[in-house]
C-alpha cells in the first residue's frame, strides 16, 4: 500500500492507515441500539480494520476505504467477514475499493480519486 503515496495528491488527501471500522461507521439504524443484535454486530465490527482510509483534507470527510486482499481473504470465514464489511461500508456510504492485485488496486484508487464527486459510485470490486 506504500504505492498510494505515489499516486495520491497529499495536498488534497490524507491517508490514514489501519483504521478501525467501528471508528468510521455507525451501525444500521434499523437495529435497536444496545440490543443483543447491536452488541453482536458491534463486537465484530470493532475488531475489523481497513488498510487505508482516504480523507479529504479541507472537509476532513472520508472519501473511500482501501483494502488489499491477501490469501487469507479466500478462507470461508474471511469471505463471510468481507461480505459483512462491504455491507457495513455500503450502509455508511463509504466506498470500499478492494482487490487481490496491488497494481490493479492502485490503478482503481487513482481513477477513483481523479473522478470522485458527491454522486460517484465506487468502482466494481475487481480481483
C-alpha atoms as a PDB file:
ATOM      1  CA  UNK A   1       0.000   0.000   0.000  1.00  0.00           C
ATOM      2  CA  UNK A   2       3.044   2.257   0.042  1.00  0.00           C
ATOM      3  CA  UNK A   3       2.306   2.860  -3.626  1.00  0.00           C
ATOM      4  CA  UNK A   4      -0.637   5.031  -2.589  1.00  0.00           C
ATOM      5  CA  UNK A   5       1.803   7.755  -1.574  1.00  0.00           C
ATOM      6  CA  UNK A   6       2.981   7.949  -5.198  1.00  0.00           C
ATOM      7  CA  UNK A   7      -0.494   8.341  -6.697  1.00  0.00           C
ATOM      8  CA  UNK A   8      -2.288  10.400  -4.057  1.00  0.00           C
ATOM      9  CA  UNK A   9      -2.098  14.198  -4.068  1.00  0.00           C
ATOM     10  CA  UNK A  10      -1.107  14.729  -0.445  1.00  0.00           C
ATOM     11  CA  UNK A  11      -2.145  18.387  -0.689  1.00  0.00           C
ATOM     12  CA  UNK A  12      -5.720  17.239  -1.252  1.00  0.00           C
ATOM     13  CA  UNK A  13      -5.998  13.943   0.636  1.00  0.00           C
ATOM     14  CA  UNK A  14      -4.886  12.384   3.922  1.00  0.00           C
ATOM     15  CA  UNK A  15      -4.032   8.683   4.013  1.00  0.00           C
ATOM     16  CA  UNK A  16      -4.980   7.072   7.320  1.00  0.00           C
ATOM     17  CA  UNK A  17      -3.592   3.518   7.665  1.00  0.00           C
ATOM     18  CA  UNK A  18      -5.161   0.653   9.611  1.00  0.00           C
ATOM     19  CA  UNK A  19      -8.370   2.385  10.654  1.00  0.00           C
ATOM     20  CA  UNK A  20     -10.783   0.504  12.892  1.00  0.00           C
ATOM     21  CA  UNK A  21     -14.113   0.182  11.090  1.00  0.00           C
ATOM     22  CA  UNK A  22     -16.111   0.950  14.253  1.00  0.00           C
ATOM     23  CA  UNK A  23     -14.415   4.362  14.360  1.00  0.00           C
ATOM     24  CA  UNK A  24     -15.724   5.428  10.942  1.00  0.00           C
ATOM     25  CA  UNK A  25     -19.211   3.892  10.684  1.00  0.00           C
ATOM     26  CA  UNK A  26     -22.431   3.889  12.629  1.00  0.00           C
ATOM     27  CA  UNK A  27     -24.268   0.604  12.862  1.00  0.00           C
ATOM     28  CA  UNK A  28     -27.509   0.130  10.970  1.00  0.00           C
ATOM     29  CA  UNK A  29     -30.228   2.407  12.291  1.00  0.00           C
ATOM     30  CA  UNK A  30     -32.753  -0.426  11.920  1.00  0.00           C
ATOM     31  CA  UNK A  31     -31.095  -2.289  14.772  1.00  0.00           C
ATOM     32  CA  UNK A  32     -32.181  -1.119  18.194  1.00  0.00           C
ATOM     33  CA  UNK A  33     -29.154   0.496  19.889  1.00  0.00           C
ATOM     34  CA  UNK A  34     -27.632  -1.539  22.706  1.00  0.00           C
ATOM     35  CA  UNK A  35     -29.788  -4.569  21.854  1.00  0.00           C
ATOM     36  CA  UNK A  36     -28.269  -8.052  21.759  1.00  0.00           C
ATOM     37  CA  UNK A  37     -28.103  -7.887  17.950  1.00  0.00           C
ATOM     38  CA  UNK A  38     -26.480  -4.430  18.072  1.00  0.00           C
ATOM     39  CA  UNK A  39     -23.789  -5.617  20.518  1.00  0.00           C
ATOM     40  CA  UNK A  40     -23.136  -8.749  18.462  1.00  0.00           C
ATOM     41  CA  UNK A  41     -22.556  -6.668  15.334  1.00  0.00           C
ATOM     42  CA  UNK A  42     -20.536  -4.056  17.239  1.00  0.00           C
ATOM     43  CA  UNK A  43     -18.214  -6.728  18.676  1.00  0.00           C
ATOM     44  CA  UNK A  44     -17.475  -7.950  15.156  1.00  0.00           C
ATOM     45  CA  UNK A  45     -17.065  -4.509  13.584  1.00  0.00           C
ATOM     46  CA  UNK A  46     -14.905  -3.240  16.441  1.00  0.00           C
ATOM     47  CA  UNK A  47     -12.312  -5.903  15.586  1.00  0.00           C
ATOM     48  CA  UNK A  48     -12.173  -5.087  11.877  1.00  0.00           C
ATOM     49  CA  UNK A  49      -9.746  -2.672  10.241  1.00  0.00           C
ATOM     50  CA  UNK A  50      -9.373  -1.417   6.699  1.00  0.00           C
ATOM     51  CA  UNK A  51      -5.899  -0.976   5.246  1.00  0.00           C
ATOM     52  CA  UNK A  52      -6.257   2.720   4.402  1.00  0.00           C
ATOM     53  CA  UNK A  53      -8.934   5.389   4.696  1.00  0.00           C
ATOM     54  CA  UNK A  54      -8.636   8.339   2.319  1.00  0.00           C
ATOM     55  CA  UNK A  55      -9.832  11.640   3.786  1.00  0.00           C
ATOM     56  CA  UNK A  56     -10.388  14.969   2.025  1.00  0.00           C
ATOM     57  CA  UNK A  57      -8.110  17.490   3.739  1.00  0.00           C
ATOM     58  CA  UNK A  58     -10.364  20.564   3.716  1.00  0.00           C
ATOM     59  CA  UNK A  59     -13.580  18.976   4.936  1.00  0.00           C
ATOM     60  CA  UNK A  60     -11.991  16.006   6.720  1.00  0.00           C
ATOM     61  CA  UNK A  61     -14.680  13.830   5.131  1.00  0.00           C
ATOM     62  CA  UNK A  62     -13.993  10.217   4.272  1.00  0.00           C
ATOM     63  CA  UNK A  63     -13.712   9.684   0.525  1.00  0.00           C
ATOM     64  CA  UNK A  64     -13.046   5.933   0.418  1.00  0.00           C
ATOM     65  CA  UNK A  65     -11.539   2.974   2.208  1.00  0.00           C
ATOM     66  CA  UNK A  66      -8.911   0.809   0.518  1.00  0.00           C
ATOM     67  CA  UNK A  67      -8.406  -2.891   1.203  1.00  0.00           C
ATOM     68  CA  UNK A  68      -5.725  -5.108  -0.364  1.00  0.00           C
ATOM     69  CA  UNK A  69      -6.956  -8.696  -0.095  1.00  0.00           C
ATOM     70  CA  UNK A  70      -4.252 -11.248   0.649  1.00  0.00           C
ATOM     71  CA  UNK A  71      -4.652 -15.035   0.546  1.00  0.00           C
ATOM     72  CA  UNK A  72      -6.465 -15.046   3.904  1.00  0.00           C
ATOM     73  CA  UNK A  73      -9.473 -13.486   2.160  1.00  0.00           C
ATOM     74  CA  UNK A  74     -10.042 -16.817   0.375  1.00  0.00           C
ATOM     75  CA  UNK A  75     -10.919 -18.637   3.617  1.00  0.00           C
ATOM     76  CA  UNK A  76     -14.676 -19.177   4.132  1.00  0.00           C
ATOM     77  CA  UNK A  77     -14.829 -17.292   7.457  1.00  0.00           C
ATOM     78  CA  UNK A  78     -12.931 -14.376   5.943  1.00  0.00           C
ATOM     79  CA  UNK A  79     -15.247 -14.313   2.927  1.00  0.00           C
ATOM     80  CA  UNK A  80     -18.180 -14.006   5.311  1.00  0.00           C
ATOM     81  CA  UNK A  81     -16.427 -11.134   7.083  1.00  0.00           C
ATOM     82  CA  UNK A  82     -15.709  -9.429   3.754  1.00  0.00           C
ATOM     83  CA  UNK A  83     -19.375  -9.648   2.708  1.00  0.00           C
ATOM     84  CA  UNK A  84     -20.442  -8.136   6.036  1.00  0.00           C
ATOM     85  CA  UNK A  85     -17.746  -5.456   5.783  1.00  0.00           C
ATOM     86  CA  UNK A  86     -18.909  -4.476   2.298  1.00  0.00           C
ATOM     87  CA  UNK A  87     -22.481  -4.138   3.568  1.00  0.00           C
ATOM     88  CA  UNK A  88     -21.486  -2.123   6.648  1.00  0.00           C
ATOM     89  CA  UNK A  89     -19.419   0.230   4.491  1.00  0.00           C
ATOM     90  CA  UNK A  90     -22.206   0.499   1.895  1.00  0.00           C
ATOM     91  CA  UNK A  91     -24.726   1.434   4.579  1.00  0.00           C
ATOM     92  CA  UNK A  92     -22.272   4.005   5.932  1.00  0.00           C
ATOM     93  CA  UNK A  93     -21.889   5.490   2.450  1.00  0.00           C
ATOM     94  CA  UNK A  94     -18.141   4.825   2.362  1.00  0.00           C
ATOM     95  CA  UNK A  95     -16.873   3.346  -0.906  1.00  0.00           C
ATOM     96  CA  UNK A  96     -14.692   0.291  -0.337  1.00  0.00           C
ATOM     97  CA  UNK A  97     -12.028  -0.181  -3.011  1.00  0.00           C
ATOM     98  CA  UNK A  98     -10.730  -3.768  -2.946  1.00  0.00           C
ATOM     99  CA  UNK A  99      -8.612  -6.117  -4.995  1.00  0.00           C
ATOM    100  CA  UNK A 100      -6.246  -9.063  -4.632  1.00  0.00           C
ATOM    101  CA  UNK A 101      -3.871  -7.363  -7.082  1.00  0.00           C
ATOM    102  CA  UNK A 102      -1.903  -4.420  -5.654  1.00  0.00           C
ATOM    103  CA  UNK A 103      -1.314  -2.830  -9.081  1.00  0.00           C
ATOM    104  CA  UNK A 104      -4.984  -3.024 -10.001  1.00  0.00           C
ATOM    105  CA  UNK A 105      -5.917  -1.591  -6.627  1.00  0.00           C
ATOM    106  CA  UNK A 106      -3.553   1.350  -7.075  1.00  0.00           C
ATOM    107  CA  UNK A 107      -4.956   1.995 -10.550  1.00  0.00           C
ATOM    108  CA  UNK A 108      -8.537   1.709  -9.291  1.00  0.00           C
ATOM    109  CA  UNK A 109      -7.800   4.079  -6.398  1.00  0.00           C
ATOM    110  CA  UNK A 110      -6.104   6.608  -8.666  1.00  0.00           C
ATOM    111  CA  UNK A 111      -9.037   6.548 -11.084  1.00  0.00           C
ATOM    112  CA  UNK A 112     -11.481   6.888  -8.206  1.00  0.00           C
ATOM    113  CA  UNK A 113      -9.688   9.901  -6.760  1.00  0.00           C
ATOM    114  CA  UNK A 114      -9.391  11.573 -10.169  1.00  0.00           C
ATOM    115  CA  UNK A 115     -13.116  11.265 -10.826  1.00  0.00           C
ATOM    116  CA  UNK A 116     -14.540  11.405  -7.315  1.00  0.00           C
ATOM    117  CA  UNK A 117     -17.557  13.554  -6.644  1.00  0.00           C
ATOM    118  CA  UNK A 118     -20.558  13.708  -4.360  1.00  0.00           C
ATOM    119  CA  UNK A 119     -22.594  11.460  -6.652  1.00  0.00           C
ATOM    120  CA  UNK A 120     -19.850   8.983  -7.605  1.00  0.00           C
ATOM    121  CA  UNK A 121     -20.417   5.276  -7.134  1.00  0.00           C
ATOM    122  CA  UNK A 122     -17.448   3.079  -6.188  1.00  0.00           C
ATOM    123  CA  UNK A 123     -15.877   1.004  -8.953  1.00  0.00           C
ATOM    124  CA  UNK A 124     -16.862  -2.638  -9.101  1.00  0.00           C
ATOM    125  CA  UNK A 125     -14.819  -4.987  -6.937  1.00  0.00           C
ATOM    126  CA  UNK A 126     -12.086  -6.429  -9.153  1.00  0.00           C
ATOM    127  CA  UNK A 127      -9.996  -9.423  -8.210  1.00  0.00           C
END
